[in-house]
Amino acid sequence: MDADWILLTLRDAAVALDELIEDIEDDPDVAQTLLNDQMAALYAKLNFAWNSRHSGPAAIDTIDHDVLVSWPQDLVL
């Protein structure tokens, strides 16, 4: 596993989470709308980090985009 790649993808997800938290803090009355609008993208970023952990940046060219951003099959309960 390429730790630099993992950190890059996780930092991207962390930025999205930080932005969501800030948006909700700025306007708590629209928290539900913000969650509806932004949570799927946040999950996609986390899923991308997990699903590309072995392939690194090559995953973009070798793994279907829908698979990359989908819930990881190896984590299905």
C-alpha atoms as a PDB file:
ATOM      1  CA  MET A   1       0.000   0.000   0.000  1.00  0.00           C
ATOM      2  CA  ASP A   2       1.140   3.498  -0.837  1.00  0.00           C
ATOM      3  CA  ALA A   3       0.809   5.468   2.399  1.00  0.00           C
ATOM      4  CA  ASP A   4       1.147   8.777   0.560  1.00  0.00           C
ATOM      5  CA  TRP A   5      -1.816   7.882  -1.656  1.00  0.00           C
ATOM      6  CA  ILE A   6      -3.895   6.792   1.324  1.00  0.00           C
ATOM      7  CA  LEU A   7      -3.117  10.045   3.114  1.00  0.00           C
ATOM      8  CA  LEU A   8      -3.978  12.077   0.034  1.00  0.00           C
ATOM      9  CA  THR A   9      -7.370  10.415  -0.371  1.00  0.00           C
ATOM     10  CA  LEU A  10      -8.163  10.550   3.338  1.00  0.00           C
ATOM     11  CA  ARG A  11      -7.211  14.218   3.513  1.00  0.00           C
ATOM     12  CA  ASP A  12      -9.595  14.879   0.642  1.00  0.00           C
ATOM     13  CA  ALA A  13     -12.369  13.197   2.635  1.00  0.00           C
ATOM     14  CA  ALA A  14     -11.348  15.084   5.774  1.00  0.00           C
ATOM     15  CA  VAL A  15     -11.637  18.416   3.948  1.00  0.00           C
ATOM     16  CA  ALA A  16     -15.146  17.485   2.804  1.00  0.00           C
ATOM     17  CA  LEU A  17     -16.106  16.506   6.356  1.00  0.00           C
ATOM     18  CA  ASP A  18     -14.627  19.706   7.793  1.00  0.00           C
ATOM     19  CA  GLU A  19     -16.588  21.755   5.269  1.00  0.00           C
ATOM     20  CA  LEU A  20     -19.808  19.945   6.131  1.00  0.00           C
ATOM     21  CA  ILE A  21     -19.234  20.492   9.850  1.00  0.00           C
ATOM     22  CA  GLU A  22     -18.511  24.193   9.288  1.00  0.00           C
ATOM     23  CA  ASP A  23     -21.592  24.583   7.099  1.00  0.00           C
ATOM     24  CA  ILE A  24     -23.794  23.029   9.780  1.00  0.00           C
ATOM     25  CA  GLU A  25     -22.181  25.140  12.503  1.00  0.00           C
ATOM     26  CA  ASP A  26     -22.807  28.264  10.410  1.00  0.00           C
ATOM     27  CA  ASP A  27     -26.456  27.425   9.811  1.00  0.00           C
ATOM     28  CA  PRO A  28     -27.802  24.644  12.065  1.00  0.00           C
ATOM     29  CA  ASP A  29     -31.325  25.196  10.763  1.00  0.00           C
ATOM     30  CA  VAL A  30     -30.374  23.678   7.412  1.00  0.00           C
ATOM     31  CA  ALA A  31     -28.465  20.715   8.823  1.00  0.00           C
ATOM     32  CA  GLN A  32     -30.800  18.167   7.235  1.00  0.00           C
ATOM     33  CA  THR A  33     -30.520  19.809   3.819  1.00  0.00           C
ATOM     34  CA  LEU A  34     -26.737  19.978   4.118  1.00  0.00           C
ATOM     35  CA  LEU A  35     -26.567  16.305   5.089  1.00  0.00           C
ATOM     36  CA  ASN A  36     -28.804  15.383   2.169  1.00  0.00           C
ATOM     37  CA  ASP A  37     -26.676  17.407  -0.230  1.00  0.00           C
ATOM     38  CA  GLN A  38     -23.180  16.537   0.995  1.00  0.00           C
ATOM     39  CA  MET A  39     -23.157  13.163   2.778  1.00  0.00           C
ATOM     40  CA  ALA A  40     -23.181  11.051  -0.370  1.00  0.00           C
ATOM     41  CA  ALA A  41     -20.112  12.889  -1.671  1.00  0.00           C
ATOM     42  CA  LEU A  42     -18.364  12.434   1.667  1.00  0.00           C
ATOM     43  CA  TYR A  43     -19.064   8.694   1.658  1.00  0.00           C
ATOM     44  CA  ALA A  44     -17.875   8.492  -1.957  1.00  0.00           C
ATOM     45  CA  LYS A  45     -14.553  10.070  -0.959  1.00  0.00           C
ATOM     46  CA  LEU A  46     -14.111   7.639   1.930  1.00  0.00           C
ATOM     47  CA  ASN A  47     -15.084   4.701  -0.267  1.00  0.00           C
ATOM     48  CA  PHE A  48     -12.628   5.898  -2.908  1.00  0.00           C
ATOM     49  CA  ALA A  49      -9.852   5.976  -0.302  1.00  0.00           C
ATOM     50  CA  TRP A  50     -10.627   2.407   0.732  1.00  0.00           C
ATOM     51  CA  ASN A  51     -11.269   0.991  -2.726  1.00  0.00           C
ATOM     52  CA  SER A  52      -8.094   2.464  -4.202  1.00  0.00           C
ATOM     53  CA  ARG A  53      -5.825   1.620  -1.271  1.00  0.00           C
ATOM     54  CA  HIS A  54      -4.043  -1.226  -3.078  1.00  0.00           C
ATOM     55  CA  SER A  55      -3.965   0.236  -6.587  1.00  0.00           C
ATOM     56  CA  GLY A  56      -3.115   3.812  -5.689  1.00  0.00           C
ATOM     57  CA  PRO A  57      -3.552   6.408  -8.424  1.00  0.00           C
ATOM     58  CA  ALA A  58      -3.702   3.658 -11.080  1.00  0.00           C
ATOM     59  CA  ALA A  59      -7.153   2.785  -9.731  1.00  0.00           C
ATOM     60  CA  ILE A  60      -8.551   5.783 -11.603  1.00  0.00           C
ATOM     61  CA  ASP A  61      -7.663   4.119 -14.916  1.00  0.00           C
ATOM     62  CA  THR A  62      -8.136   0.472 -13.956  1.00  0.00           C
ATOM     63  CA  ILE A  63     -11.242   0.333 -11.744  1.00  0.00           C
ATOM     64  CA  ASP A  64     -14.723   1.408 -12.786  1.00  0.00           C
ATOM     65  CA  HIS A  65     -15.617   4.768 -11.229  1.00  0.00           C
ATOM     66  CA  ASP A  66     -18.875   3.431  -9.772  1.00  0.00           C
ATOM     67  CA  VAL A  67     -16.930   0.657  -8.047  1.00  0.00           C
ATOM     68  CA  LEU A  68     -14.355   3.106  -6.712  1.00  0.00           C
ATOM     69  CA  VAL A  69     -16.946   5.280  -4.998  1.00  0.00           C
ATOM     70  CA  SER A  70     -19.322   2.491  -3.933  1.00  0.00           C
ATOM     71  CA  TRP A  71     -19.487   0.972  -0.482  1.00  0.00           C
ATOM     72  CA  PRO A  72     -16.549  -1.490  -0.290  1.00  0.00           C
ATOM     73  CA  GLN A  73     -17.683  -5.014  -1.036  1.00  0.00           C
ATOM     74  CA  ASP A  74     -15.125  -6.416   1.400  1.00  0.00           C
ATOM     75  CA  LEU A  75     -16.814  -4.462   4.206  1.00  0.00           C
ATOM     76  CA  VAL A  76     -20.347  -5.680   3.545  1.00  0.00           C
ATOM     77  CA  LEU A  77     -21.754  -7.311   6.669  1.00  0.00           C
END
